[in-house]
Amino acid sequence: MKRKARVLLVSLFALAMLLTACGQKPAGVAAKVDGEEIPMEEFQREYWTQRNLIVNQYGEDYLKEKVMQGKSQTVDEALKEMVLKNLEQLKMVEQDSKDAKIEIKDADVDRTIENMKAQYGGEENFKKALEAENMTEDFLRKNIKNRMMMEKYYTHLQDQVKVTDKDLEKYYKDHQDELAQVDASHILVKTEKEAKEIEKKLKDGAKFEDLAKEKSIDKASGENGGSLGYFGKGQMVKEFEDKAFSMKKGEISEPVKSQFGYHIIKVNDVKNSFKDVKDNIKDQVKQEKVKEELRRIENNKKVKTYVDLKEEVPLPKGMEKITKKGQNNPQGQEQAQNTTEENAKTE
């Protein structure tokens, strides 16, 4: 009896281990988001679609390269990770869109498809383009619908997010240095001697705009009296930027040397106060808050992934024309994706 009991115990333990293993990696599932499954075939199809684009552009060997020097992850592993992450985020958006009652109507997708057919020159050419990329119309329709949903969901979050003056003040305080802008003009000449002669003429009362038109080798700004308009930090060469941002409104500099020659700079206006930049930073602050909300939503989701990034991804049924050498031309698909994005944005 003891031996039978022990055999039974071992058998039950083995069964428990088997059931646990099945629970950890369910067949045909790439990931779960709050219990909802992302089919492995969907992951495979998206992976091979993206892989084909990369191989056509850079070659198959590129997939074996390291993403970063000193890191072990390959481009192919990073691609799998990115595809899986995108599908997980899409699932999160789908779930939250239902709660927000966001709906994409078939008629909206139909309209986008019809526009694409017109761009390809008719139904026949459109079908040929899909066949060349080994893509079905159903797959394309789903892709279009997903993009539209994400656009509407992002707009929904923007509408939900509120930006207060306190938010704006904090952003201004944290980014004050990079938000400053200067409206400047310059006269650019080749030699220091020329620059000093111009400097003397300005001190004697000559008009800056007239000298810029006459003397500056920067003809584009010279025609406008040397005007460069408003610019922020990081947009001009360092020597020019350092001087311009150290000046006050109405000041004219001594000759400043850069790789382009010698500049004489006139500062027309300076914008660096909270009042100056308040209206300009509202959209930036709103985008930051939307990103924070997306991170909060993502952190509250329970995500389980079942894809081994080091394993080879099988080619799914219906995509047999795509080879590992990536011989297809990606232009049709790229055009389809770009068209989809543009149409989604205008909906």
Protein backbone atom coordinates (compact mmCIF):
# COMPACT_ATOMS: atom_id res chain seq x y z
CA MET A 1 0.00 0.00 0.00
CA LYS A 2 2.79 2.37 0.83
CA ARG A 3 4.46 1.77 -2.55
CA LYS A 4 1.16 2.38 -4.40
CA ALA A 5 0.56 5.52 -2.37
CA ARG A 6 4.04 6.78 -3.25
CA VAL A 7 3.54 6.05 -6.97
CA LEU A 8 0.20 7.87 -6.83
CA LEU A 9 1.82 10.82 -5.08
CA VAL A 10 4.58 11.04 -7.70
CA SER A 11 2.00 10.81 -10.50
CA LEU A 12 -0.09 13.58 -8.99
CA PHE A 13 3.04 15.72 -8.57
CA ALA A 14 4.01 15.15 -12.21
CA LEU A 15 0.48 16.06 -13.31
CA ALA A 16 0.55 19.21 -11.21
CA MET A 17 3.88 20.21 -12.78
CA LEU A 18 2.48 19.60 -16.26
CA LEU A 19 -0.60 21.69 -15.57
CA THR A 20 1.54 24.48 -14.09
CA ALA A 21 3.76 24.48 -17.16
CA CYS A 22 0.72 24.69 -19.43
CA GLY A 23 -0.54 27.62 -17.41
CA GLN A 24 2.74 29.43 -17.77
CA LYS A 25 2.96 29.10 -21.54
CA PRO A 26 -0.43 28.41 -23.15
CA ALA A 27 -0.24 27.08 -26.69
CA GLY A 28 -0.87 29.59 -29.46
CA VAL A 29 -0.68 32.63 -27.16
CA ALA A 30 2.01 35.33 -27.42
CA ALA A 31 0.88 37.37 -24.41
CA LYS A 32 -2.04 38.18 -22.13
CA VAL A 33 -3.19 41.63 -21.06
CA ASP A 34 -5.57 41.59 -18.11
CA GLY A 35 -6.44 38.02 -19.08
CA GLU A 36 -7.14 38.78 -22.76
CA GLU A 37 -5.01 36.78 -25.17
CA ILE A 38 -2.84 38.02 -28.01
CA PRO A 39 -2.67 35.10 -30.48
CA MET A 40 0.79 33.83 -31.38
CA GLU A 41 -0.16 33.96 -35.07
CA GLU A 42 -0.87 37.67 -34.76
CA PHE A 43 2.61 38.20 -33.28
CA GLN A 44 4.19 36.04 -36.00
CA ARG A 45 2.41 37.88 -38.80
CA GLU A 46 3.38 41.32 -37.47
CA TYR A 47 6.97 40.20 -36.84
CA TRP A 48 7.42 38.88 -40.39
CA THR A 49 5.83 41.99 -41.88
CA GLN A 50 8.29 44.25 -40.02
CA ARG A 51 11.21 41.84 -40.57
CA ASN A 52 10.64 41.87 -44.32
CA LEU A 53 10.84 45.67 -44.40
CA ILE A 54 14.13 45.65 -42.48
CA VAL A 55 15.73 42.88 -44.56
CA ASN A 56 14.77 44.59 -47.82
CA GLN A 57 16.41 47.80 -46.68
CA TYR A 58 19.47 46.60 -44.78
CA GLY A 59 19.94 42.93 -45.62
CA GLU A 60 19.48 39.80 -43.50
CA ASP A 61 22.88 40.07 -41.78
CA TYR A 62 21.72 43.30 -40.16
CA LEU A 63 19.35 41.28 -37.96
CA LYS A 64 22.36 39.58 -36.34
CA GLU A 65 24.04 42.85 -35.36
CA LYS A 66 24.03 44.08 -31.77
CA VAL A 67 21.59 46.86 -30.96
CA MET A 68 24.21 48.68 -28.89
CA GLN A 69 27.91 48.22 -28.42
CA GLY A 70 28.59 46.14 -25.32
CA LYS A 71 25.02 44.78 -25.24
CA SER A 72 24.08 41.19 -26.08
CA GLN A 73 20.67 41.87 -27.65
CA THR A 74 20.56 41.56 -31.44
CA VAL A 75 18.49 43.66 -33.84
CA ASP A 76 16.26 40.61 -34.43
CA GLU A 77 15.63 40.16 -30.69
CA ALA A 78 14.91 43.87 -30.33
CA LEU A 79 12.47 43.64 -33.25
CA LYS A 80 10.58 40.76 -31.57
CA GLU A 81 10.48 42.72 -28.33
CA MET A 82 9.20 45.84 -30.08
CA VAL A 83 6.51 43.95 -32.02
CA LEU A 84 5.29 42.22 -28.86
CA LYS A 85 5.30 45.47 -26.89
CA ASN A 86 3.30 47.23 -29.62
CA LEU A 87 0.70 44.45 -29.65
CA GLU A 88 0.42 44.58 -25.85
CA GLN A 89 -0.06 48.34 -25.92
CA LEU A 90 -2.63 47.98 -28.70
CA LYS A 91 -4.55 45.50 -26.55
CA MET A 92 -4.48 47.98 -23.66
CA VAL A 93 -5.86 50.69 -25.95
CA GLU A 94 -8.60 48.33 -27.17
CA GLN A 95 -9.63 47.58 -23.60
CA ASP A 96 -9.67 51.21 -22.51
CA SER A 97 -11.39 52.31 -25.73
CA LYS A 98 -14.32 50.04 -24.89
CA ASP A 99 -14.64 51.68 -21.49
CA ALA A 100 -14.46 55.12 -23.13
CA LYS A 101 -17.05 54.03 -25.73
CA ILE A 102 -14.66 54.78 -28.60
CA GLU A 103 -15.85 53.09 -31.78
CA ILE A 104 -14.37 52.86 -35.26
CA LYS A 105 -17.11 52.34 -37.82
CA ASP A 106 -16.65 50.02 -40.79
CA ALA A 107 -17.66 52.91 -43.03
CA ASP A 108 -14.58 54.87 -41.88
CA VAL A 109 -12.32 51.95 -42.79
CA ASP A 110 -14.14 51.49 -46.12
CA ARG A 111 -13.51 55.12 -46.99
CA THR A 112 -9.80 54.77 -46.30
CA ILE A 113 -9.59 51.59 -48.40
CA GLU A 114 -11.36 53.30 -51.30
CA ASN A 115 -8.94 56.23 -51.11
CA MET A 116 -6.02 53.81 -51.26
CA LYS A 117 -7.49 52.01 -54.27
CA ALA A 118 -7.79 55.34 -56.05
CA GLN A 119 -4.15 56.15 -55.27
CA TYR A 120 -3.06 52.81 -56.70
CA GLY A 121 -5.08 53.44 -59.87
CA GLY A 122 -7.98 51.09 -59.25
CA GLU A 123 -9.02 47.77 -57.73
CA GLU A 124 -6.74 45.60 -59.86
CA ASN A 125 -3.55 47.52 -59.08
CA PHE A 126 -4.51 47.64 -55.41
CA LYS A 127 -4.88 43.85 -55.29
CA LYS A 128 -1.55 43.40 -57.07
CA ALA A 129 0.13 45.64 -54.50
CA LEU A 130 -1.34 43.56 -51.67
CA GLU A 131 -0.23 40.32 -53.33
CA ALA A 132 3.27 41.68 -53.88
CA GLU A 133 3.52 42.32 -50.15
CA ASN A 134 1.83 39.03 -49.25
CA MET A 135 -0.87 40.99 -47.43
CA THR A 136 -4.58 40.27 -47.40
CA GLU A 137 -7.18 43.02 -47.47
CA ASP A 138 -8.53 41.74 -44.13
CA PHE A 139 -5.09 42.20 -42.55
CA LEU A 140 -4.84 45.72 -44.00
CA ARG A 141 -8.35 46.61 -42.82
CA LYS A 142 -7.51 45.47 -39.30
CA ASN A 143 -4.30 47.53 -39.40
CA ILE A 144 -6.21 50.61 -40.52
CA LYS A 145 -8.87 50.13 -37.86
CA ASN A 146 -6.23 49.78 -35.14
CA ARG A 147 -4.46 52.97 -36.22
CA MET A 148 -7.72 54.91 -36.29
CA MET A 149 -8.63 53.61 -32.85
CA MET A 150 -5.25 54.65 -31.43
CA GLU A 151 -5.65 58.13 -32.94
CA LYS A 152 -9.11 58.53 -31.39
CA TYR A 153 -7.94 57.12 -28.08
CA TYR A 154 -5.03 59.56 -27.93
CA THR A 155 -7.41 62.43 -28.71
CA HIS A 156 -9.70 61.15 -25.94
CA LEU A 157 -6.82 61.26 -23.45
CA GLN A 158 -5.91 64.76 -24.55
CA ASP A 159 -9.48 65.86 -23.90
CA GLN A 160 -9.43 64.25 -20.45
CA VAL A 161 -6.13 65.82 -19.37
CA LYS A 162 -6.36 69.23 -17.72
CA VAL A 163 -3.43 71.65 -17.75
CA THR A 164 -3.32 74.22 -14.93
CA ASP A 165 -1.20 77.33 -14.53
CA LYS A 166 0.65 75.47 -11.79
CA ASP A 167 1.57 72.74 -14.32
CA LEU A 168 2.80 75.39 -16.75
CA GLU A 169 4.84 77.17 -14.10
CA LYS A 170 6.52 73.93 -13.04
CA TYR A 171 7.36 73.03 -16.65
CA TYR A 172 8.74 76.53 -17.21
CA LYS A 173 10.89 76.29 -14.07
CA ASP A 174 12.26 72.87 -15.12
CA HIS A 175 12.95 73.91 -18.73
CA GLN A 176 13.54 77.65 -18.45
CA ASP A 177 16.97 77.62 -20.05
CA GLU A 178 15.92 75.67 -23.13
CA LEU A 179 12.67 77.65 -23.58
CA ALA A 180 14.42 81.00 -24.04
CA GLN A 181 14.26 82.47 -27.55
CA VAL A 182 16.09 85.29 -29.25
CA ASP A 183 15.12 87.24 -32.35
CA ALA A 184 18.40 88.29 -33.95
CA SER A 185 19.91 89.63 -37.14
CA HIS A 186 23.50 89.33 -38.32
CA ILE A 187 25.99 90.51 -40.86
CA LEU A 188 28.40 87.75 -41.90
CA VAL A 189 31.73 88.49 -43.59
CA LYS A 190 34.87 86.45 -44.30
CA THR A 191 37.57 88.41 -42.48
CA GLU A 192 37.99 90.15 -39.13
CA LYS A 193 39.17 93.26 -40.95
CA GLU A 194 35.88 93.53 -42.86
CA ALA A 195 33.90 92.92 -39.67
CA LYS A 196 35.71 95.72 -37.82
CA GLU A 197 35.13 98.13 -40.69
CA ILE A 198 31.39 97.34 -40.53
CA GLU A 199 31.43 97.71 -36.75
CA LYS A 200 32.90 101.21 -37.12
CA LYS A 201 30.27 102.20 -39.72
CA LEU A 202 27.51 101.06 -37.35
CA LYS A 203 28.99 103.15 -34.52
CA ASP A 204 29.10 106.10 -36.91
CA GLY A 205 25.37 105.77 -37.52
CA ALA A 206 25.01 103.46 -40.52
CA LYS A 207 21.82 101.41 -40.64
CA PHE A 208 22.30 97.73 -39.73
CA GLU A 209 19.75 96.49 -42.30
CA ASP A 210 21.39 98.41 -45.15
CA LEU A 211 24.86 97.03 -44.35
CA ALA A 212 23.46 93.51 -44.08
CA LYS A 213 21.98 93.75 -47.57
CA GLU A 214 25.18 95.23 -48.97
CA LYS A 215 27.96 93.34 -47.16
CA SER A 216 26.69 90.04 -45.71
CA ILE A 217 27.80 86.84 -47.46
CA ASP A 218 24.71 85.16 -45.97
CA LYS A 219 22.52 86.26 -48.88
CA ALA A 220 19.32 84.60 -47.60
CA SER A 221 19.23 86.66 -44.39
CA GLY A 222 20.98 89.63 -46.01
CA GLU A 223 18.04 90.24 -48.31
CA ASN A 224 15.90 90.62 -45.18
CA GLY A 225 18.24 93.05 -43.49
CA GLY A 226 20.14 90.22 -41.78
CA SER A 227 17.06 88.89 -39.98
CA LEU A 228 17.25 85.31 -38.68
CA GLY A 229 13.96 85.42 -36.81
CA TYR A 230 13.41 83.73 -33.46
CA PHE A 231 15.56 80.73 -32.51
CA GLY A 232 16.16 78.67 -29.40
CA LYS A 233 19.27 77.14 -27.92
CA GLY A 234 20.92 74.43 -29.95
CA GLN A 235 19.88 75.87 -33.31
CA MET A 236 22.93 77.99 -34.05
CA VAL A 237 26.68 77.38 -33.90
CA LYS A 238 27.99 77.64 -30.35
CA GLU A 239 29.99 80.88 -30.68
CA PHE A 240 27.01 82.65 -32.26
CA GLU A 241 24.53 81.22 -29.76
CA ASP A 242 26.63 82.01 -26.68
CA LYS A 243 26.92 85.64 -27.71
CA ALA A 244 23.32 86.14 -28.83
CA PHE A 245 21.86 84.70 -25.61
CA SER A 246 24.15 86.88 -23.48
CA MET A 247 22.89 90.11 -25.08
CA LYS A 248 19.96 92.40 -24.31
CA LYS A 249 17.30 93.65 -26.65
CA GLY A 250 18.65 96.35 -28.99
CA GLU A 251 22.36 95.53 -28.46
CA ILE A 252 24.84 95.07 -31.30
CA SER A 253 27.86 92.83 -30.75
CA GLU A 254 31.53 93.16 -31.60
CA PRO A 255 32.74 90.71 -34.34
CA VAL A 256 32.15 87.08 -33.32
CA LYS A 257 34.20 84.38 -35.03
CA SER A 258 32.66 81.03 -36.05
CA GLN A 259 33.40 78.36 -38.64
CA PHE A 260 31.46 80.44 -41.18
CA GLY A 261 33.40 83.67 -40.75
CA TYR A 262 32.84 86.78 -38.62
CA HIS A 263 29.37 87.77 -37.41
CA ILE A 264 28.09 91.09 -36.15
CA ILE A 265 24.92 90.31 -34.22
CA LYS A 266 21.97 92.53 -33.44
CA VAL A 267 19.38 91.30 -30.90
CA ASN A 268 15.90 92.49 -31.84
CA ASP A 269 13.95 90.77 -29.08
CA VAL A 270 14.35 88.32 -26.19
CA LYS A 271 11.66 85.94 -24.93
CA ASN A 272 12.57 84.21 -21.68
CA SER A 273 9.91 85.10 -19.11
CA PHE A 274 7.02 82.83 -18.11
CA LYS A 275 4.58 85.28 -19.70
CA ASP A 276 6.52 85.13 -22.98
CA VAL A 277 6.45 81.34 -23.30
CA LYS A 278 3.24 80.41 -21.44
CA ASP A 279 1.05 79.99 -24.53
CA ASN A 280 3.78 78.13 -26.43
CA ILE A 281 4.29 75.42 -23.80
CA LYS A 282 0.65 74.42 -23.26
CA ASP A 283 0.75 71.71 -25.94
CA GLN A 284 4.08 70.38 -24.65
CA VAL A 285 2.76 70.15 -21.10
CA LYS A 286 -0.42 68.45 -22.30
CA GLN A 287 1.62 65.87 -24.24
CA GLU A 288 3.72 65.18 -21.13
CA LYS A 289 0.59 64.65 -19.06
CA VAL A 290 -0.89 62.33 -21.69
CA LYS A 291 2.33 60.27 -21.61
CA GLU A 292 2.11 60.11 -17.82
CA GLU A 293 -1.48 58.89 -18.09
CA LEU A 294 -0.47 56.24 -20.62
CA ARG A 295 2.30 55.06 -18.29
CA ARG A 296 -0.18 54.92 -15.39
CA ILE A 297 -2.62 52.85 -17.45
CA GLU A 298 0.16 50.53 -18.58
CA ASN A 299 1.45 50.06 -15.02
CA ASN A 300 -2.04 49.11 -13.84
CA LYS A 301 -2.40 46.37 -16.47
CA LYS A 302 -1.40 42.80 -15.75
CA VAL A 303 0.76 41.64 -18.66
CA LYS A 304 2.14 38.16 -19.18
CA THR A 305 4.40 37.40 -22.14
CA TYR A 306 5.12 33.95 -23.54
CA VAL A 307 7.52 34.73 -26.41
CA ASP A 308 11.15 33.63 -26.17
CA LEU A 309 13.09 36.39 -27.94
CA LYS A 310 15.92 34.00 -28.77
CA GLU A 311 13.71 31.47 -30.54
CA GLU A 312 13.12 31.61 -34.29
CA VAL A 313 9.65 32.86 -35.23
CA PRO A 314 7.79 30.48 -37.59
CA LEU A 315 6.37 31.87 -40.80
CA PRO A 316 2.55 31.91 -40.42
CA LYS A 317 0.19 30.45 -42.98
CA GLY A 318 -0.63 32.73 -45.88
CA MET A 319 2.75 34.48 -45.83
CA GLU A 320 4.71 31.81 -47.69
CA LYS A 321 5.88 34.28 -50.35
CA ILE A 322 8.02 36.07 -47.78
CA THR A 323 11.42 34.40 -47.65
CA LYS A 324 14.13 34.71 -45.05
CA LYS A 325 16.19 36.57 -47.63
CA GLY A 326 13.47 39.22 -47.81
CA GLN A 327 13.22 39.47 -51.57
CA ASN A 328 9.92 41.36 -51.65
CA ASN A 329 9.84 45.06 -52.47
CA PRO A 330 8.52 46.93 -49.41
CA GLN A 331 7.43 50.07 -51.23
CA GLY A 332 3.81 48.98 -51.64
CA GLN A 333 3.44 48.17 -47.97
CA GLU A 334 5.27 51.30 -46.87
CA GLN A 335 2.97 53.38 -49.06
CA ALA A 336 -0.05 51.55 -47.62
CA GLN A 337 1.12 52.17 -44.06
CA ASN A 338 1.88 55.85 -44.70
CA THR A 339 -1.45 56.36 -46.42
CA THR A 340 -3.18 54.68 -43.51
CA GLU A 341 -1.50 57.01 -41.02
CA GLU A 342 -2.40 60.13 -42.97
CA ASN A 343 -6.02 59.06 -43.40
CA ALA A 344 -6.30 58.14 -39.75
CA LYS A 345 -5.07 61.59 -38.77
CA THR A 346 -7.68 63.33 -40.92
CA GLU A 347 -10.61 61.31 -39.62
